Amino acid sequence: SEVGVQGITVTEVKGFGRQKGHTELYRGAEYVVDFLPKVK
């Protein structure tokens, strides 16, 4: 907005790059999150 852009489109997306996701613990079980939440 400060540089004069008047309109944008925003989409919630999921993906991964070099980090290829990560592991998380849920109720004592470890699982892999392949796609991370991002905004496009």
PDB file of all heavy atoms in Angstrom:
ATOM      1  N   SER A   1       0.828  -1.206   0.000  1.00  0.00           N
ATOM      2  CA  SER A   1       0.000   0.000   0.000  1.00  0.00           C
ATOM      3  C   SER A   1       0.864   1.259   0.000  1.00  0.00           C
ATOM      4  O   SER A   1       0.554   2.237  -0.685  1.00  0.00           O
ATOM      5  CB  SER A   1      -0.921  -0.020   1.215  1.00  0.00           C
ATOM      6  OG  SER A   1      -1.813   1.044   1.185  1.00  0.00           O
ATOM      7  N   GLU A   2       1.967   1.233   0.742  1.00  0.00           N
ATOM      8  CA  GLU A   2       2.866   2.380   0.819  1.00  0.00           C
ATOM      9  C   GLU A   2       3.543   2.691  -0.515  1.00  0.00           C
ATOM     10  O   GLU A   2       3.888   3.832  -0.779  1.00  0.00           O
ATOM     11  CB  GLU A   2       3.933   2.155   1.897  1.00  0.00           C
ATOM     12  CG  GLU A   2       3.387   2.259   3.304  1.00  0.00           C
ATOM     13  CD  GLU A   2       4.431   1.922   4.352  1.00  0.00           C
ATOM     14  OE1 GLU A   2       5.632   1.793   4.015  1.00  0.00           O
ATOM     15  OE2 GLU A   2       4.038   1.773   5.529  1.00  0.00           O
ATOM     16  N   VAL A   3       3.750   1.677  -1.364  1.00  0.00           N
ATOM     17  CA  VAL A   3       4.387   1.917  -2.666  1.00  0.00           C
ATOM     18  C   VAL A   3       3.360   2.118  -3.779  1.00  0.00           C
ATOM     19  O   VAL A   3       3.712   2.166  -4.945  1.00  0.00           O
ATOM     20  CB  VAL A   3       5.388   0.802  -3.051  1.00  0.00           C
ATOM     21  CG1 VAL A   3       6.546   0.762  -2.082  1.00  0.00           C
ATOM     22  CG2 VAL A   3       4.716  -0.547  -3.189  1.00  0.00           C
ATOM     23  N   GLY A   4       2.076   2.217  -3.407  1.00  0.00           N
ATOM     24  CA  GLY A   4       1.051   2.576  -4.379  1.00  0.00           C
ATOM     25  C   GLY A   4       0.289   1.437  -5.019  1.00  0.00           C
ATOM     26  O   GLY A   4      -0.475   1.665  -5.956  1.00  0.00           O
ATOM     27  N   VAL A   5       0.455   0.223  -4.526  1.00  0.00           N
ATOM     28  CA  VAL A   5      -0.312  -0.898  -5.069  1.00  0.00           C
ATOM     29  C   VAL A   5      -1.745  -0.778  -4.564  1.00  0.00           C
ATOM     30  O   VAL A   5      -1.984  -0.643  -3.374  1.00  0.00           O
ATOM     31  CB  VAL A   5       0.303  -2.253  -4.638  1.00  0.00           C
ATOM     32  CG1 VAL A   5      -0.593  -3.407  -5.050  1.00  0.00           C
ATOM     33  CG2 VAL A   5       1.685  -2.399  -5.240  1.00  0.00           C
ATOM     34  N   GLN A   6      -2.705  -0.836  -5.496  1.00  0.00           N
ATOM     35  CA  GLN A   6      -4.096  -0.591  -5.123  1.00  0.00           C
ATOM     36  C   GLN A   6      -4.898  -1.848  -4.858  1.00  0.00           C
ATOM     37  O   GLN A   6      -5.896  -1.807  -4.169  1.00  0.00           O
ATOM     38  CB  GLN A   6      -4.783   0.223  -6.215  1.00  0.00           C
ATOM     39  CG  GLN A   6      -4.224   1.615  -6.327  1.00  0.00           C
ATOM     40  CD  GLN A   6      -4.943   2.429  -7.368  1.00  0.00           C
ATOM     41  OE1 GLN A   6      -5.688   1.905  -8.173  1.00  0.00           O
ATOM     42  NE2 GLN A   6      -4.699   3.721  -7.353  1.00  0.00           N
ATOM     43  N   GLY A   7      -4.496  -2.976  -5.412  1.00  0.00           N
ATOM     44  CA  GLY A   7      -5.274  -4.186  -5.198  1.00  0.00           C
ATOM     45  C   GLY A   7      -4.406  -5.421  -5.181  1.00  0.00           C
ATOM     46  O   GLY A   7      -3.435  -5.519  -5.921  1.00  0.00           O
ATOM     47  N   ILE A   8      -4.769  -6.365  -4.318  1.00  0.00           N
ATOM     48  CA  ILE A   8      -4.057  -7.643  -4.266  1.00  0.00           C
ATOM     49  C   ILE A   8      -5.089  -8.761  -4.113  1.00  0.00           C
ATOM     50  O   ILE A   8      -6.207  -8.528  -3.668  1.00  0.00           O
ATOM     51  CB  ILE A   8      -3.024  -7.715  -3.115  1.00  0.00           C
ATOM     52  CG1 ILE A   8      -3.702  -7.669  -1.745  1.00  0.00           C
ATOM     53  CG2 ILE A   8      -1.991  -6.626  -3.234  1.00  0.00           C
ATOM     54  CD1 ILE A   8      -2.759  -7.917  -0.584  1.00  0.00           C
ATOM     55  N   THR A   9      -4.693  -9.946  -4.491  1.00  0.00           N
ATOM     56  CA  THR A   9      -5.499 -11.138  -4.277  1.00  0.00           C
ATOM     57  C   THR A   9      -4.725 -12.041  -3.332  1.00  0.00           C
ATOM     58  O   THR A   9      -3.532 -12.266  -3.531  1.00  0.00           O
ATOM     59  CB  THR A   9      -5.762 -11.879  -5.608  1.00  0.00           C
ATOM     60  OG1 THR A   9      -6.441 -10.990  -6.489  1.00  0.00           O
ATOM     61  CG2 THR A   9      -6.604 -13.118  -5.388  1.00  0.00           C
ATOM     62  N   VAL A  10      -5.400 -12.550  -2.311  1.00  0.00           N
ATOM     63  CA  VAL A  10      -4.755 -13.385  -1.305  1.00  0.00           C
ATOM     64  C   VAL A  10      -5.445 -14.744  -1.266  1.00  0.00           C
ATOM     65  O   VAL A  10      -6.674 -14.818  -1.234  1.00  0.00           O
ATOM     66  CB  VAL A  10      -4.823 -12.727   0.095  1.00  0.00           C
ATOM     67  CG1 VAL A  10      -4.223 -13.632   1.153  1.00  0.00           C
ATOM     68  CG2 VAL A  10      -4.127 -11.384   0.074  1.00  0.00           C
ATOM     69  N   THR A  11      -4.649 -15.795  -1.277  1.00  0.00           N
ATOM     70  CA  THR A  11      -5.155 -17.156  -1.210  1.00  0.00           C
ATOM     71  C   THR A  11      -4.399 -17.920  -0.137  1.00  0.00           C
ATOM     72  O   THR A  11      -3.174 -17.816  -0.056  1.00  0.00           O
ATOM     73  CB  THR A  11      -4.940 -17.883  -2.569  1.00  0.00           C
ATOM     74  OG1 THR A  11      -5.404 -17.058  -3.629  1.00  0.00           O
ATOM     75  CG2 THR A  11      -5.666 -19.197  -2.597  1.00  0.00           C
ATOM     76  N   GLU A  12      -5.133 -18.668   0.685  1.00  0.00           N
ATOM     77  CA  GLU A  12      -4.470 -19.542   1.649  1.00  0.00           C
ATOM     78  C   GLU A  12      -4.077 -20.820   0.918  1.00  0.00           C
ATOM     79  O   GLU A  12      -4.924 -21.462   0.297  1.00  0.00           O
ATOM     80  CB  GLU A  12      -5.403 -19.861   2.811  1.00  0.00           C
ATOM     81  CG  GLU A  12      -5.689 -18.655   3.682  1.00  0.00           C
ATOM     82  CD  GLU A  12      -6.601 -18.980   4.854  1.00  0.00           C
ATOM     83  OE1 GLU A  12      -6.867 -20.179   5.100  1.00  0.00           O
ATOM     84  OE2 GLU A  12      -7.042 -18.039   5.509  1.00  0.00           O
ATOM     85  N   VAL A  13      -2.794 -21.158   0.977  1.00  0.00           N
ATOM     86  CA  VAL A  13      -2.283 -22.330   0.271  1.00  0.00           C
ATOM     87  C   VAL A  13      -1.445 -23.172   1.226  1.00  0.00           C
ATOM     88  O   VAL A  13      -1.138 -22.753   2.341  1.00  0.00           O
ATOM     89  CB  VAL A  13      -1.440 -21.922  -0.964  1.00  0.00           C
ATOM     90  CG1 VAL A  13      -2.302 -21.207  -1.987  1.00  0.00           C
ATOM     91  CG2 VAL A  13      -0.257 -21.063  -0.570  1.00  0.00           C
ATOM     92  N   LYS A  14      -1.064 -24.354   0.767  1.00  0.00           N
ATOM     93  CA  LYS A  14      -0.152 -25.207   1.522  1.00  0.00           C
ATOM     94  C   LYS A  14       0.944 -25.656   0.594  1.00  0.00           C
ATOM     95  O   LYS A  14       0.718 -25.838  -0.604  1.00  0.00           O
ATOM     96  CB  LYS A  14      -0.884 -26.432   2.078  1.00  0.00           C
ATOM     97  CG  LYS A  14      -1.866 -26.108   3.160  1.00  0.00           C
ATOM     98  CD  LYS A  14      -2.471 -27.350   3.739  1.00  0.00           C
ATOM     99  CE  LYS A  14      -3.411 -26.964   4.864  1.00  0.00           C
ATOM    100  NZ  LYS A  14      -3.817 -28.122   5.644  1.00  0.00           N
ATOM    101  N   GLY A  15       2.140 -25.823   1.127  1.00  0.00           N
ATOM    102  CA  GLY A  15       3.243 -26.265   0.298  1.00  0.00           C
ATOM    103  C   GLY A  15       4.497 -26.480   1.116  1.00  0.00           C
ATOM    104  O   GLY A  15       4.490 -26.347   2.338  1.00  0.00           O
ATOM    105  N   PHE A  16       5.560 -26.811   0.404  1.00  0.00           N
ATOM    106  CA  PHE A  16       6.853 -26.949   1.071  1.00  0.00           C
ATOM    107  C   PHE A  16       7.949 -26.641   0.073  1.00  0.00           C
ATOM    108  O   PHE A  16       7.769 -26.727  -1.127  1.00  0.00           O
ATOM    109  CB  PHE A  16       7.041 -28.346   1.684  1.00  0.00           C
ATOM    110  CG  PHE A  16       7.149 -29.453   0.675  1.00  0.00           C
ATOM    111  CD1 PHE A  16       8.380 -29.800   0.143  1.00  0.00           C
ATOM    112  CD2 PHE A  16       6.027 -30.133   0.266  1.00  0.00           C
ATOM    113  CE1 PHE A  16       8.486 -30.830  -0.782  1.00  0.00           C
ATOM    114  CE2 PHE A  16       6.117 -31.160  -0.650  1.00  0.00           C
ATOM    115  CZ  PHE A  16       7.351 -31.506  -1.182  1.00  0.00           C
ATOM    116  N   GLY A  17       9.081 -26.266   0.602  1.00  0.00           N
ATOM    117  CA  GLY A  17      10.258 -25.998  -0.203  1.00  0.00           C
ATOM    118  C   GLY A  17      11.373 -26.910   0.246  1.00  0.00           C
ATOM    119  O   GLY A  17      11.175 -28.105   0.455  1.00  0.00           O
ATOM    120  N   ARG A  18      12.522 -26.340   0.453  1.00  0.00           N
ATOM    121  CA  ARG A  18      13.676 -27.139   0.861  1.00  0.00           C
ATOM    122  C   ARG A  18      13.502 -27.813   2.211  1.00  0.00           C
ATOM    123  O   ARG A  18      14.067 -28.858   2.461  1.00  0.00           O
ATOM    124  CB  ARG A  18      14.921 -26.256   0.904  1.00  0.00           C
ATOM    125  CG  ARG A  18      15.388 -25.840  -0.458  1.00  0.00           C
ATOM    126  CD  ARG A  18      16.686 -25.091  -0.363  1.00  0.00           C
ATOM    127  NE  ARG A  18      17.057 -24.582  -1.668  1.00  0.00           N
ATOM    128  CZ  ARG A  18      17.822 -23.551  -1.861  1.00  0.00           C
ATOM    129  NH1 ARG A  18      18.330 -22.897  -0.835  1.00  0.00           N
ATOM    130  NH2 ARG A  18      18.109 -23.146  -3.079  1.00  0.00           N
ATOM    131  N   GLN A  19      12.720 -27.190   3.104  1.00  0.00           N
ATOM    132  CA  GLN A  19      12.584 -27.773   4.441  1.00  0.00           C
ATOM    133  C   GLN A  19      11.748 -29.043   4.417  1.00  0.00           C
ATOM    134  O   GLN A  19      11.777 -29.826   5.346  1.00  0.00           O
ATOM    135  CB  GLN A  19      12.008 -26.757   5.436  1.00  0.00           C
ATOM    136  CG  GLN A  19      10.506 -26.552   5.332  1.00  0.00           C
ATOM    137  CD  GLN A  19      10.108 -25.413   4.427  1.00  0.00           C
ATOM    138  OE1 GLN A  19      10.806 -25.073   3.480  1.00  0.00           O
ATOM    139  NE2 GLN A  19       8.976 -24.814   4.694  1.00  0.00           N
ATOM    140  N   LYS A  20      10.992 -29.287   3.366  1.00  0.00           N
ATOM    141  CA  LYS A  20      10.207 -30.509   3.168  1.00  0.00           C
ATOM    142  C   LYS A  20       9.327 -30.852   4.366  1.00  0.00           C
ATOM    143  O   LYS A  20       9.212 -31.998   4.767  1.00  0.00           O
ATOM    144  CB  LYS A  20      11.123 -31.677   2.841  1.00  0.00           C
ATOM    145  CG  LYS A  20      11.938 -31.426   1.596  1.00  0.00           C
ATOM    146  CD  LYS A  20      12.322 -32.696   0.915  1.00  0.00           C
ATOM    147  CE  LYS A  20      13.064 -32.513  -0.368  1.00  0.00           C
ATOM    148  NZ  LYS A  20      13.748 -31.322  -0.658  1.00  0.00           N
ATOM    149  N   GLY A  21       8.715 -29.856   4.954  1.00  0.00           N
ATOM    150  CA  GLY A  21       7.821 -30.088   6.081  1.00  0.00           C
ATOM    151  C   GLY A  21       8.578 -30.272   7.383  1.00  0.00           C
ATOM    152  O   GLY A  21       9.756 -29.972   7.480  1.00  0.00           O
ATOM    153  N   HIS A  22       7.883 -30.765   8.389  1.00  0.00           N
ATOM    154  CA  HIS A  22       8.499 -30.995   9.688  1.00  0.00           C
ATOM    155  C   HIS A  22       7.680 -32.034  10.458  1.00  0.00           C
ATOM    156  O   HIS A  22       6.586 -32.404  10.049  1.00  0.00           O
ATOM    157  CB  HIS A  22       8.614 -29.691  10.478  1.00  0.00           C
ATOM    158  CG  HIS A  22       7.289 -29.072  10.803  1.00  0.00           C
ATOM    159  ND1 HIS A  22       6.593 -28.288   9.912  1.00  0.00           N
ATOM    160  CD2 HIS A  22       6.538 -29.137  11.913  1.00  0.00           C
ATOM    161  CE1 HIS A  22       5.460 -27.896  10.464  1.00  0.00           C
ATOM    162  NE2 HIS A  22       5.388 -28.395  11.676  1.00  0.00           N
ATOM    163  N   THR A  23       8.230 -32.488  11.569  1.00  0.00           N
ATOM    164  CA  THR A  23       7.498 -33.455  12.391  1.00  0.00           C
ATOM    165  C   THR A  23       6.903 -32.732  13.595  1.00  0.00           C
ATOM    166  O   THR A  23       7.468 -31.763  14.102  1.00  0.00           O
ATOM    167  CB  THR A  23       8.420 -34.593  12.877  1.00  0.00           C
ATOM    168  OG1 THR A  23       9.495 -34.025  13.619  1.00  0.00           O
ATOM    169  CG2 THR A  23       8.955 -35.394  11.715  1.00  0.00           C
ATOM    170  N   GLU A  24       5.740 -33.219  14.034  1.00  0.00           N
ATOM    171  CA  GLU A  24       5.074 -32.660  15.206  1.00  0.00           C
ATOM    172  C   GLU A  24       4.603 -33.795  16.092  1.00  0.00           C
ATOM    173  O   GLU A  24       4.455 -34.928  15.644  1.00  0.00           O
ATOM    174  CB  GLU A  24       3.870 -31.806  14.789  1.00  0.00           C
ATOM    175  CG  GLU A  24       4.240 -30.497  14.140  1.00  0.00           C
ATOM    176  CD  GLU A  24       3.043 -29.600  13.909  1.00  0.00           C
ATOM    177  OE1 GLU A  24       1.922 -29.957  14.334  1.00  0.00           O
ATOM    178  OE2 GLU A  24       3.226 -28.547  13.308  1.00  0.00           O
ATOM    179  N   LEU A  25       4.362 -33.479  17.351  1.00  0.00           N
ATOM    180  CA  LEU A  25       3.801 -34.435  18.292  1.00  0.00           C
ATOM    181  C   LEU A  25       2.338 -34.090  18.537  1.00  0.00           C
ATOM    182  O   LEU A  25       1.995 -32.921  18.744  1.00  0.00           O
ATOM    183  CB  LEU A  25       4.545 -34.387  19.624  1.00  0.00           C
ATOM    184  CG  LEU A  25       5.903 -35.079  19.684  1.00  0.00           C
ATOM    185  CD1 LEU A  25       6.553 -34.826  21.034  1.00  0.00           C
ATOM    186  CD2 LEU A  25       5.747 -36.563  19.439  1.00  0.00           C
ATOM    187  N   TYR A  26       1.473 -35.093  18.490  1.00  0.00           N
ATOM    188  CA  TYR A  26       0.066 -34.897  18.802  1.00  0.00           C
ATOM    189  C   TYR A  26      -0.397 -36.070  19.651  1.00  0.00           C
ATOM    190  O   TYR A  26      -0.372 -37.214  19.205  1.00  0.00           O
ATOM    191  CB  TYR A  26      -0.772 -34.796  17.516  1.00  0.00           C
ATOM    192  CG  TYR A  26      -2.236 -34.598  17.768  1.00  0.00           C
ATOM    193  CD1 TYR A  26      -2.710 -33.390  18.242  1.00  0.00           C
ATOM    194  CD2 TYR A  26      -3.138 -35.629  17.561  1.00  0.00           C
ATOM    195  CE1 TYR A  26      -4.050 -33.198  18.492  1.00  0.00           C
ATOM    196  CE2 TYR A  26      -4.483 -35.459  17.806  1.00  0.00           C
ATOM    197  CZ  TYR A  26      -4.935 -34.234  18.273  1.00  0.00           C
ATOM    198  OH  TYR A  26      -6.274 -34.048  18.524  1.00  0.00           O
ATOM    199  N   ARG A  27      -0.782 -35.781  20.890  1.00  0.00           N
ATOM    200  CA  ARG A  27      -1.217 -36.812  21.832  1.00  0.00           C
ATOM    201  C   ARG A  27      -0.205 -37.948  21.946  1.00  0.00           C
ATOM    202  O   ARG A  27      -0.544 -39.127  21.915  1.00  0.00           O
ATOM    203  CB  ARG A  27      -2.585 -37.343  21.460  1.00  0.00           C
ATOM    204  CG  ARG A  27      -3.654 -36.286  21.581  1.00  0.00           C
ATOM    205  CD  ARG A  27      -5.014 -36.875  21.406  1.00  0.00           C
ATOM    206  NE  ARG A  27      -6.011 -35.827  21.598  1.00  0.00           N
ATOM    207  CZ  ARG A  27      -7.306 -36.027  21.540  1.00  0.00           C
ATOM    208  NH1 ARG A  27      -7.776 -37.227  21.297  1.00  0.00           N
ATOM    209  NH2 ARG A  27      -8.132 -35.044  21.712  1.00  0.00           N
ATOM    210  N   GLY A  28       1.043 -37.577  21.980  1.00  0.00           N
ATOM    211  CA  GLY A  28       2.104 -38.547  22.169  1.00  0.00           C
ATOM    212  C   GLY A  28       2.577 -39.243  20.914  1.00  0.00           C
ATOM    213  O   GLY A  28       3.556 -39.983  20.943  1.00  0.00           O
ATOM    214  N   ALA A  29       1.895 -39.030  19.804  1.00  0.00           N
ATOM    215  CA  ALA A  29       2.286 -39.672  18.542  1.00  0.00           C
ATOM    216  C   ALA A  29       2.994 -38.651  17.655  1.00  0.00           C
ATOM    217  O   ALA A  29       2.570 -37.500  17.554  1.00  0.00           O
ATOM    218  CB  ALA A  29       1.063 -40.228  17.821  1.00  0.00           C
ATOM    219  N   GLU A  30       4.066 -39.076  17.039  1.00  0.00           N
ATOM    220  CA  GLU A  30       4.808 -38.192  16.144  1.00  0.00           C
ATOM    221  C   GLU A  30       4.307 -38.408  14.720  1.00  0.00           C
ATOM    222  O   GLU A  30       4.082 -39.533  14.288  1.00  0.00           O
ATOM    223  CB  GLU A  30       6.305 -38.528  16.217  1.00  0.00           C
ATOM    224  CG  GLU A  30       7.178 -37.541  15.481  1.00  0.00           C
ATOM    225  CD  GLU A  30       8.651 -37.819  15.702  1.00  0.00           C
ATOM    226  OE1 GLU A  30       9.154 -37.548  16.813  1.00  0.00           O
ATOM    227  OE2 GLU A  30       9.279 -38.313  14.758  1.00  0.00           O
ATOM    228  N   TYR A  31       4.083 -37.306  14.018  1.00  0.00           N
ATOM    229  CA  TYR A  31       3.657 -37.416  12.629  1.00  0.00           C
ATOM    230  C   TYR A  31       4.320 -36.326  11.798  1.00  0.00           C
ATOM    231  O   TYR A  31       4.769 -35.301  12.327  1.00  0.00           O
ATOM    232  CB  TYR A  31       2.136 -37.369  12.495  1.00  0.00           C
ATOM    233  CG  TYR A  31       1.506 -36.056  12.885  1.00  0.00           C
ATOM    234  CD1 TYR A  31       1.141 -35.123  11.913  1.00  0.00           C
ATOM    235  CD2 TYR A  31       1.267 -35.736  14.209  1.00  0.00           C
ATOM    236  CE1 TYR A  31       0.576 -33.919  12.270  1.00  0.00           C
ATOM    237  CE2 TYR A  31       0.705 -34.537  14.579  1.00  0.00           C
ATOM    238  CZ  TYR A  31       0.345 -33.637  13.599  1.00  0.00           C
ATOM    239  OH  TYR A  31      -0.219 -32.442  13.962  1.00  0.00           O
ATOM    240  N   VAL A  32       4.390 -36.554  10.507  1.00  0.00           N
ATOM    241  CA  VAL A  32       5.069 -35.635   9.591  1.00  0.00           C
ATOM    242  C   VAL A  32       4.047 -34.705   8.953  1.00  0.00           C
ATOM    243  O   VAL A  32       3.016 -35.153   8.451  1.00  0.00           O
ATOM    244  CB  VAL A  32       5.823 -36.412   8.491  1.00  0.00           C
ATOM    245  CG1 VAL A  32       6.464 -35.457   7.500  1.00  0.00           C
ATOM    246  CG2 VAL A  32       6.867 -37.321   9.116  1.00  0.00           C
ATOM    247  N   VAL A  33       4.328 -33.416   9.009  1.00  0.00           N
ATOM    248  CA  VAL A  33       3.518 -32.420   8.320  1.00  0.00           C
ATOM    249  C   VAL A  33       4.249 -32.098   7.023  1.00  0.00           C
ATOM    250  O   VAL A  33       5.265 -31.409   7.030  1.00  0.00           O
ATOM    251  CB  VAL A  33       3.336 -31.145   9.181  1.00  0.00           C
ATOM    252  CG1 VAL A  33       2.532 -30.104   8.423  1.00  0.00           C
ATOM    253  CG2 VAL A  33       2.678 -31.487  10.503  1.00  0.00           C
ATOM    254  N   ASP A  34       3.756 -32.648   5.909  1.00  0.00           N
ATOM    255  CA  ASP A  34       4.417 -32.458   4.615  1.00  0.00           C
ATOM    256  C   ASP A  34       4.180 -31.069   4.047  1.00  0.00           C
ATOM    257  O   ASP A  34       5.069 -30.466   3.469  1.00  0.00           O
ATOM    258  CB  ASP A  34       3.934 -33.502   3.603  1.00  0.00           C
ATOM    259  CG  ASP A  34       4.425 -34.894   3.951  1.00  0.00           C
ATOM    260  OD1 ASP A  34       5.519 -35.005   4.526  1.00  0.00           O
ATOM    261  OD2 ASP A  34       3.709 -35.852   3.648  1.00  0.00           O
ATOM    262  N   PHE A  35       2.955 -30.596   4.160  1.00  0.00           N
ATOM    263  CA  PHE A  35       2.600 -29.310   3.571  1.00  0.00           C
ATOM    264  C   PHE A  35       2.376 -28.293   4.673  1.00  0.00           C
ATOM    265  O   PHE A  35       1.559 -28.490   5.566  1.00  0.00           O
ATOM    266  CB  PHE A  35       1.340 -29.450   2.713  1.00  0.00           C
ATOM    267  CG  PHE A  35       1.540 -30.359   1.538  1.00  0.00           C
ATOM    268  CD1 PHE A  35       1.076 -31.656   1.560  1.00  0.00           C
ATOM    269  CD2 PHE A  35       2.207 -29.907   0.416  1.00  0.00           C
ATOM    270  CE1 PHE A  35       1.261 -32.498   0.481  1.00  0.00           C
ATOM    271  CE2 PHE A  35       2.404 -30.734  -0.672  1.00  0.00           C
ATOM    272  CZ  PHE A  35       1.933 -32.038  -0.639  1.00  0.00           C
ATOM    273  N   LEU A  36       3.100 -27.194   4.583  1.00  0.00           N
ATOM    274  CA  LEU A  36       3.011 -26.141   5.582  1.00  0.00           C
ATOM    275  C   LEU A  36       2.054 -25.056   5.104  1.00  0.00           C
ATOM    276  O   LEU A  36       1.988 -24.759   3.906  1.00  0.00           O
ATOM    277  CB  LEU A  36       4.394 -25.540   5.822  1.00  0.00           C
ATOM    278  CG  LEU A  36       5.459 -26.533   6.274  1.00  0.00           C
ATOM    279  CD1 LEU A  36       6.822 -25.871   6.306  1.00  0.00           C
ATOM    280  CD2 LEU A  36       5.106 -27.097   7.630  1.00  0.00           C
ATOM    281  N   PRO A  37       1.309 -24.430   6.025  1.00  0.00           N
ATOM    282  CA  PRO A  37       0.395 -23.366   5.611  1.00  0.00           C
ATOM    283  C   PRO A  37       1.172 -22.141   5.141  1.00  0.00           C
ATOM    284  O   PRO A  37       2.142 -21.710   5.783  1.00  0.00           O
ATOM    285  CB  PRO A  37      -0.411 -23.063   6.872  1.00  0.00           C
ATOM    286  CG  PRO A  37       0.407 -23.581   7.996  1.00  0.00           C
ATOM    287  CD  PRO A  37       1.251 -24.697   7.449  1.00  0.00           C
ATOM    288  N   LYS A  38       0.752 -21.607   4.016  1.00  0.00           N
ATOM    289  CA  LYS A  38       1.365 -20.410   3.436  1.00  0.00           C
ATOM    290  C   LYS A  38       0.258 -19.502   2.927  1.00  0.00           C
ATOM    291  O   LYS A  38      -0.915 -19.886   2.873  1.00  0.00           O
ATOM    292  CB  LYS A  38       2.288 -20.764   2.263  1.00  0.00           C
ATOM    293  CG  LYS A  38       3.435 -21.694   2.601  1.00  0.00           C
ATOM    294  CD  LYS A  38       4.499 -20.992   3.386  1.00  0.00           C
ATOM    295  CE  LYS A  38       5.674 -21.943   3.639  1.00  0.00           C
ATOM    296  NZ  LYS A  38       6.740 -21.296   4.341  1.00  0.00           N
ATOM    297  N   VAL A  39       0.623 -18.306   2.518  1.00  0.00           N
ATOM    298  CA  VAL A  39      -0.308 -17.373   1.890  1.00  0.00           C
ATOM    299  C   VAL A  39       0.284 -16.978   0.547  1.00  0.00           C
ATOM    300  O   VAL A  39       1.474 -16.663   0.460  1.00  0.00           O
ATOM    301  CB  VAL A  39      -0.515 -16.116   2.766  1.00  0.00           C
ATOM    302  CG1 VAL A  39      -1.326 -15.070   2.032  1.00  0.00           C
ATOM    303  CG2 VAL A  39      -1.191 -16.481   4.071  1.00  0.00           C
ATOM    304  N   LYS A  40      -0.550 -17.016  -0.483  1.00  0.00           N
ATOM    305  CA  LYS A  40      -0.114 -16.605  -1.815  1.00  0.00           C
ATOM    306  C   LYS A  40      -0.759 -15.257  -2.129  1.00  0.00           C
ATOM    307  O   LYS A  40      -1.971 -15.107  -2.049  1.00  0.00           O
ATOM    308  CB  LYS A  40      -0.527 -17.629  -2.862  1.00  0.00           C
ATOM    309  CG  LYS A  40      -0.068 -17.277  -4.257  1.00  0.00           C
ATOM    310  CD  LYS A  40      -0.478 -18.368  -5.235  1.00  0.00           C
ATOM    311  CE  LYS A  40      -0.007 -18.058  -6.635  1.00  0.00           C
ATOM    312  NZ  LYS A  40      -0.462 -19.103  -7.576  1.00  0.00           N
TER     313      LYS A  40
END
